[in-house]
Amino acid sequence: MANITETIPNDTEIDAMVSPKNRRSAEIIERKRQVKRRLDEYLEQAELRRSIGDDDFF
């Protein structure tokens, strides 16, 4: 059975893979960058919460 996952490429990968040919393409690329930034921020906050929560038990 195949496992299919979709990943969000980082900024360097996006620049290397895509050079926007029109305004819509540029908007799509910017949207992907915004999503990646928000995801990174969310994961950092979750990791911080987890580490703070672990310290409360000791």
PDB file of N, CA and C in Angstrom:
ATOM      1  N   MET A   1       0.846  -1.173   0.000  1.00  0.00           N
ATOM      2  CA  MET A   1       0.000   0.000   0.000  1.00  0.00           C
ATOM      3  C   MET A   1       0.896   1.242   0.000  1.00  0.00           C
ATOM      4  N   ALA A   2       0.587   2.187  -0.811  1.00  0.00           N
ATOM      5  CA  ALA A   2       1.384   3.408  -0.916  1.00  0.00           C
ATOM      6  C   ALA A   2       0.950   4.413   0.138  1.00  0.00           C
ATOM      7  N   ASN A   3       1.925   5.129   0.644  1.00  0.00           N
ATOM      8  CA  ASN A   3       1.654   6.188   1.607  1.00  0.00           C
ATOM      9  C   ASN A   3       1.890   7.523   0.905  1.00  0.00           C
ATOM     10  N   ILE A   4       0.852   8.297   0.717  1.00  0.00           N
ATOM     11  CA  ILE A   4       0.958   9.557  -0.012  1.00  0.00           C
ATOM     12  C   ILE A   4       0.925  10.695   0.994  1.00  0.00           C
ATOM     13  N   THR A   5       1.938  11.532   0.936  1.00  0.00           N
ATOM     14  CA  THR A   5       1.978  12.711   1.798  1.00  0.00           C
ATOM     15  C   THR A   5       2.275  13.934   0.950  1.00  0.00           C
ATOM     16  N   GLU A   6       1.782  15.052   1.400  1.00  0.00           N
ATOM     17  CA  GLU A   6       2.045  16.303   0.696  1.00  0.00           C
ATOM     18  C   GLU A   6       2.852  17.188   1.628  1.00  0.00           C
ATOM     19  N   THR A   7       3.947  17.715   1.124  1.00  0.00           N
ATOM     20  CA  THR A   7       4.778  18.580   1.943  1.00  0.00           C
ATOM     21  C   THR A   7       4.780  19.981   1.370  1.00  0.00           C
ATOM     22  N   ILE A   8       5.032  20.922   2.233  1.00  0.00           N
ATOM     23  CA  ILE A   8       5.129  22.317   1.800  1.00  0.00           C
ATOM     24  C   ILE A   8       6.610  22.622   1.634  1.00  0.00           C
ATOM     25  N   PRO A   9       7.046  22.925   0.429  1.00  0.00           N
ATOM     26  CA  PRO A   9       8.466  23.197   0.214  1.00  0.00           C
ATOM     27  C   PRO A   9       8.894  24.500   0.887  1.00  0.00           C
ATOM     28  N   ASN A  10      10.186  24.583   1.222  1.00  0.00           N
ATOM     29  CA  ASN A  10      10.678  25.814   1.831  1.00  0.00           C
ATOM     30  C   ASN A  10      10.892  26.882   0.757  1.00  0.00           C
ATOM     31  N   ASP A  11      11.231  28.092   1.181  1.00  0.00           N
ATOM     32  CA  ASP A  11      11.351  29.222   0.255  1.00  0.00           C
ATOM     33  C   ASP A  11      12.381  28.978  -0.842  1.00  0.00           C
ATOM     34  N   THR A  12      13.502  28.378  -0.490  1.00  0.00           N
ATOM     35  CA  THR A  12      14.550  28.116  -1.474  1.00  0.00           C
ATOM     36  C   THR A  12      14.065  27.144  -2.537  1.00  0.00           C
ATOM     37  N   GLU A  13      13.360  26.105  -2.110  1.00  0.00           N
ATOM     38  CA  GLU A  13      12.831  25.127  -3.061  1.00  0.00           C
ATOM     39  C   GLU A  13      11.797  25.767  -3.977  1.00  0.00           C
ATOM     40  N   ILE A  14      10.966  26.620  -3.414  1.00  0.00           N
ATOM     41  CA  ILE A  14       9.949  27.282  -4.232  1.00  0.00           C
ATOM     42  C   ILE A  14      10.621  28.152  -5.293  1.00  0.00           C
ATOM     43  N   ASP A  15      11.626  28.922  -4.888  1.00  0.00           N
ATOM     44  CA  ASP A  15      12.328  29.775  -5.844  1.00  0.00           C
ATOM     45  C   ASP A  15      13.006  28.958  -6.940  1.00  0.00           C
ATOM     46  N   ALA A  16      13.571  27.823  -6.556  1.00  0.00           N
ATOM     47  CA  ALA A  16      14.261  26.982  -7.529  1.00  0.00           C
ATOM     48  C   ALA A  16      13.287  26.302  -8.496  1.00  0.00           C
ATOM     49  N   MET A  17      12.119  25.900  -7.997  1.00  0.00           N
ATOM     50  CA  MET A  17      11.173  25.156  -8.827  1.00  0.00           C
ATOM     51  C   MET A  17      10.311  26.051  -9.704  1.00  0.00           C
ATOM     52  N   VAL A  18      10.010  27.228  -9.199  1.00  0.00           N
ATOM     53  CA  VAL A  18       8.984  28.035  -9.852  1.00  0.00           C
ATOM     54  C   VAL A  18       9.479  29.456 -10.059  1.00  0.00           C
ATOM     55  N   SER A  19       9.323  29.918 -11.254  1.00  0.00           N
ATOM     56  CA  SER A  19       9.493  31.350 -11.497  1.00  0.00           C
ATOM     57  C   SER A  19       8.141  31.826 -12.013  1.00  0.00           C
ATOM     58  N   PRO A  20       7.471  32.683 -11.254  1.00  0.00           N
ATOM     59  CA  PRO A  20       6.102  33.045 -11.619  1.00  0.00           C
ATOM     60  C   PRO A  20       6.015  33.693 -13.000  1.00  0.00           C
ATOM     61  N   LYS A  21       5.107  33.174 -13.773  1.00  0.00           N
ATOM     62  CA  LYS A  21       4.942  33.676 -15.133  1.00  0.00           C
ATOM     63  C   LYS A  21       3.821  34.709 -15.228  1.00  0.00           C
ATOM     64  N   ASN A  22       2.988  34.735 -14.207  1.00  0.00           N
ATOM     65  CA  ASN A  22       1.918  35.727 -14.183  1.00  0.00           C
ATOM     66  C   ASN A  22       1.590  36.082 -12.739  1.00  0.00           C
ATOM     67  N   ARG A  23       0.680  36.998 -12.573  1.00  0.00           N
ATOM     68  CA  ARG A  23       0.332  37.478 -11.241  1.00  0.00           C
ATOM     69  C   ARG A  23      -0.272  36.378 -10.379  1.00  0.00           C
ATOM     70  N   ARG A  24      -1.097  35.563 -10.957  1.00  0.00           N
ATOM     71  CA  ARG A  24      -1.754  34.474 -10.209  1.00  0.00           C
ATOM     72  C   ARG A  24      -0.720  33.490  -9.666  1.00  0.00           C
ATOM     73  N   SER A  25       0.265  33.144 -10.465  1.00  0.00           N
ATOM     74  CA  SER A  25       1.316  32.236 -10.010  1.00  0.00           C
ATOM     75  C   SER A  25       2.094  32.838  -8.850  1.00  0.00           C
ATOM     76  N   ALA A  26       2.377  34.134  -8.940  1.00  0.00           N
ATOM     77  CA  ALA A  26       3.090  34.815  -7.857  1.00  0.00           C
ATOM     78  C   ALA A  26       2.257  34.811  -6.581  1.00  0.00           C
ATOM     79  N   GLU A  27       0.942  34.984  -6.702  1.00  0.00           N
ATOM     80  CA  GLU A  27       0.060  34.959  -5.536  1.00  0.00           C
ATOM     81  C   GLU A  27       0.034  33.573  -4.892  1.00  0.00           C
ATOM     82  N   ILE A  28       0.029  32.542  -5.707  1.00  0.00           N
ATOM     83  CA  ILE A  28       0.024  31.176  -5.195  1.00  0.00           C
ATOM     84  C   ILE A  28       1.317  30.900  -4.429  1.00  0.00           C
ATOM     85  N   ILE A  29       2.435  31.321  -4.979  1.00  0.00           N
ATOM     86  CA  ILE A  29       3.726  31.125  -4.317  1.00  0.00           C
ATOM     87  C   ILE A  29       3.750  31.860  -2.980  1.00  0.00           C
ATOM     88  N   GLU A  30       3.287  33.098  -2.967  1.00  0.00           N
ATOM     89  CA  GLU A  30       3.258  33.864  -1.725  1.00  0.00           C
ATOM     90  C   GLU A  30       2.347  33.209  -0.700  1.00  0.00           C
ATOM     91  N   ARG A  31       1.234  32.668  -1.137  1.00  0.00           N
ATOM     92  CA  ARG A  31       0.309  31.976  -0.232  1.00  0.00           C
ATOM     93  C   ARG A  31       0.990  30.771   0.408  1.00  0.00           C
ATOM     94  N   LYS A  32       1.732  29.998  -0.377  1.00  0.00           N
ATOM     95  CA  LYS A  32       2.451  28.844   0.160  1.00  0.00           C
ATOM     96  C   LYS A  32       3.480  29.285   1.200  1.00  0.00           C
ATOM     97  N   ARG A  33       4.154  30.389   0.941  1.00  0.00           N
ATOM     98  CA  ARG A  33       5.132  30.902   1.898  1.00  0.00           C
ATOM     99  C   ARG A  33       4.463  31.327   3.195  1.00  0.00           C
ATOM    100  N   GLN A  34       3.306  31.968   3.095  1.00  0.00           N
ATOM    101  CA  GLN A  34       2.584  32.389   4.296  1.00  0.00           C
ATOM    102  C   GLN A  34       2.134  31.174   5.111  1.00  0.00           C
ATOM    103  N   VAL A  35       1.644  30.159   4.434  1.00  0.00           N
ATOM    104  CA  VAL A  35       1.199  28.945   5.117  1.00  0.00           C
ATOM    105  C   VAL A  35       2.377  28.290   5.826  1.00  0.00           C
ATOM    106  N   LYS A  36       3.515  28.223   5.156  1.00  0.00           N
ATOM    107  CA  LYS A  36       4.701  27.616   5.757  1.00  0.00           C
ATOM    108  C   LYS A  36       5.147  28.398   6.983  1.00  0.00           C
ATOM    109  N   ARG A  37       5.151  29.720   6.892  1.00  0.00           N
ATOM    110  CA  ARG A  37       5.544  30.539   8.046  1.00  0.00           C
ATOM    111  C   ARG A  37       4.608  30.302   9.229  1.00  0.00           C
ATOM    112  N   ARG A  38       3.302  30.277   8.967  1.00  0.00           N
ATOM    113  CA  ARG A  38       2.342  30.049  10.043  1.00  0.00           C
ATOM    114  C   ARG A  38       2.517  28.662  10.654  1.00  0.00           C
ATOM    115  N   LEU A  39       2.752  27.673   9.817  1.00  0.00           N
ATOM    116  CA  LEU A  39       2.968  26.321  10.313  1.00  0.00           C
ATOM    117  C   LEU A  39       4.221  26.256  11.178  1.00  0.00           C
ATOM    118  N   ASP A  40       5.305  26.864  10.729  1.00  0.00           N
ATOM    119  CA  ASP A  40       6.540  26.892  11.511  1.00  0.00           C
ATOM    120  C   ASP A  40       6.314  27.570  12.865  1.00  0.00           C
ATOM    121  N   GLU A  41       5.613  28.699  12.867  1.00  0.00           N
ATOM    122  CA  GLU A  41       5.331  29.405  14.115  1.00  0.00           C
ATOM    123  C   GLU A  41       4.471  28.548  15.045  1.00  0.00           C
ATOM    124  N   TYR A  42       3.472  27.894  14.494  1.00  0.00           N
ATOM    125  CA  TYR A  42       2.599  27.034  15.290  1.00  0.00           C
ATOM    126  C   TYR A  42       3.395  25.891  15.923  1.00  0.00           C
ATOM    127  N   LEU A  43       4.263  25.258  15.131  1.00  0.00           N
ATOM    128  CA  LEU A  43       5.047  24.142  15.647  1.00  0.00           C
ATOM    129  C   LEU A  43       6.017  24.605  16.732  1.00  0.00           C
ATOM    130  N   GLU A  44       6.601  25.789  16.562  1.00  0.00           N
ATOM    131  CA  GLU A  44       7.493  26.328  17.586  1.00  0.00           C
ATOM    132  C   GLU A  44       6.729  26.582  18.883  1.00  0.00           C
ATOM    133  N   GLN A  45       5.528  27.148  18.776  1.00  0.00           N
ATOM    134  CA  GLN A  45       4.719  27.413  19.968  1.00  0.00           C
ATOM    135  C   GLN A  45       4.304  26.110  20.652  1.00  0.00           C
ATOM    136  N   ALA A  46       3.954  25.113  19.869  1.00  0.00           N
ATOM    137  CA  ALA A  46       3.557  23.821  20.432  1.00  0.00           C
ATOM    138  C   ALA A  46       4.737  23.174  21.156  1.00  0.00           C
ATOM    139  N   GLU A  47       5.919  23.274  20.567  1.00  0.00           N
ATOM    140  CA  GLU A  47       7.104  22.713  21.207  1.00  0.00           C
ATOM    141  C   GLU A  47       7.407  23.444  22.515  1.00  0.00           C
ATOM    142  N   LEU A  48       7.260  24.760  22.513  1.00  0.00           N
ATOM    143  CA  LEU A  48       7.485  25.542  23.716  1.00  0.00           C
ATOM    144  C   LEU A  48       6.480  25.162  24.803  1.00  0.00           C
ATOM    145  N   ARG A  49       5.208  25.051  24.433  1.00  0.00           N
ATOM    146  CA  ARG A  49       4.181  24.656  25.392  1.00  0.00           C
ATOM    147  C   ARG A  49       4.481  23.278  25.975  1.00  0.00           C
ATOM    148  N   ARG A  50       4.903  22.371  25.113  1.00  0.00           N
ATOM    149  CA  ARG A  50       5.220  21.013  25.548  1.00  0.00           C
ATOM    150  C   ARG A  50       6.385  21.033  26.529  1.00  0.00           C
ATOM    151  N   SER A  51       7.416  21.805  26.226  1.00  0.00           N
ATOM    152  CA  SER A  51       8.573  21.848  27.118  1.00  0.00           C
ATOM    153  C   SER A  51       8.225  22.516  28.440  1.00  0.00           C
ATOM    154  N   ILE A  52       7.396  23.539  28.408  1.00  0.00           N
ATOM    155  CA  ILE A  52       6.958  24.185  29.636  1.00  0.00           C
ATOM    156  C   ILE A  52       6.091  23.232  30.448  1.00  0.00           C
ATOM    157  N   GLY A  53       5.218  22.511  29.787  1.00  0.00           N
ATOM    158  CA  GLY A  53       4.353  21.544  30.461  1.00  0.00           C
ATOM    159  C   GLY A  53       5.149  20.424  31.113  1.00  0.00           C
ATOM    160  N   ASP A  54       6.203  19.962  30.455  1.00  0.00           N
ATOM    161  CA  ASP A  54       7.035  18.898  31.019  1.00  0.00           C
ATOM    162  C   ASP A  54       7.748  19.382  32.269  1.00  0.00           C
ATOM    163  N   ASP A  55       8.165  20.635  32.304  1.00  0.00           N
ATOM    164  CA  ASP A  55       8.867  21.187  33.460  1.00  0.00           C
ATOM    165  C   ASP A  55       7.959  21.295  34.670  1.00  0.00           C
ATOM    166  N   ASP A  56       6.649  21.431  34.481  1.00  0.00           N
ATOM    167  CA  ASP A  56       5.718  21.564  35.589  1.00  0.00           C
ATOM    168  C   ASP A  56       5.625  20.296  36.423  1.00  0.00           C
ATOM    169  N   PHE A  57       5.927  19.155  35.832  1.00  0.00           N
ATOM    170  CA  PHE A  57       5.788  17.907  36.543  1.00  0.00           C
ATOM    171  C   PHE A  57       6.967  17.607  37.458  1.00  0.00           C
ATOM    172  N   PHE A  58       8.082  18.307  37.309  1.00  0.00           N
ATOM    173  CA  PHE A  58       9.270  18.032  38.122  1.00  0.00           C
ATOM    174  C   PHE A  58       9.386  18.927  39.292  1.00  0.00           C
TER     175      PHE A  58
END
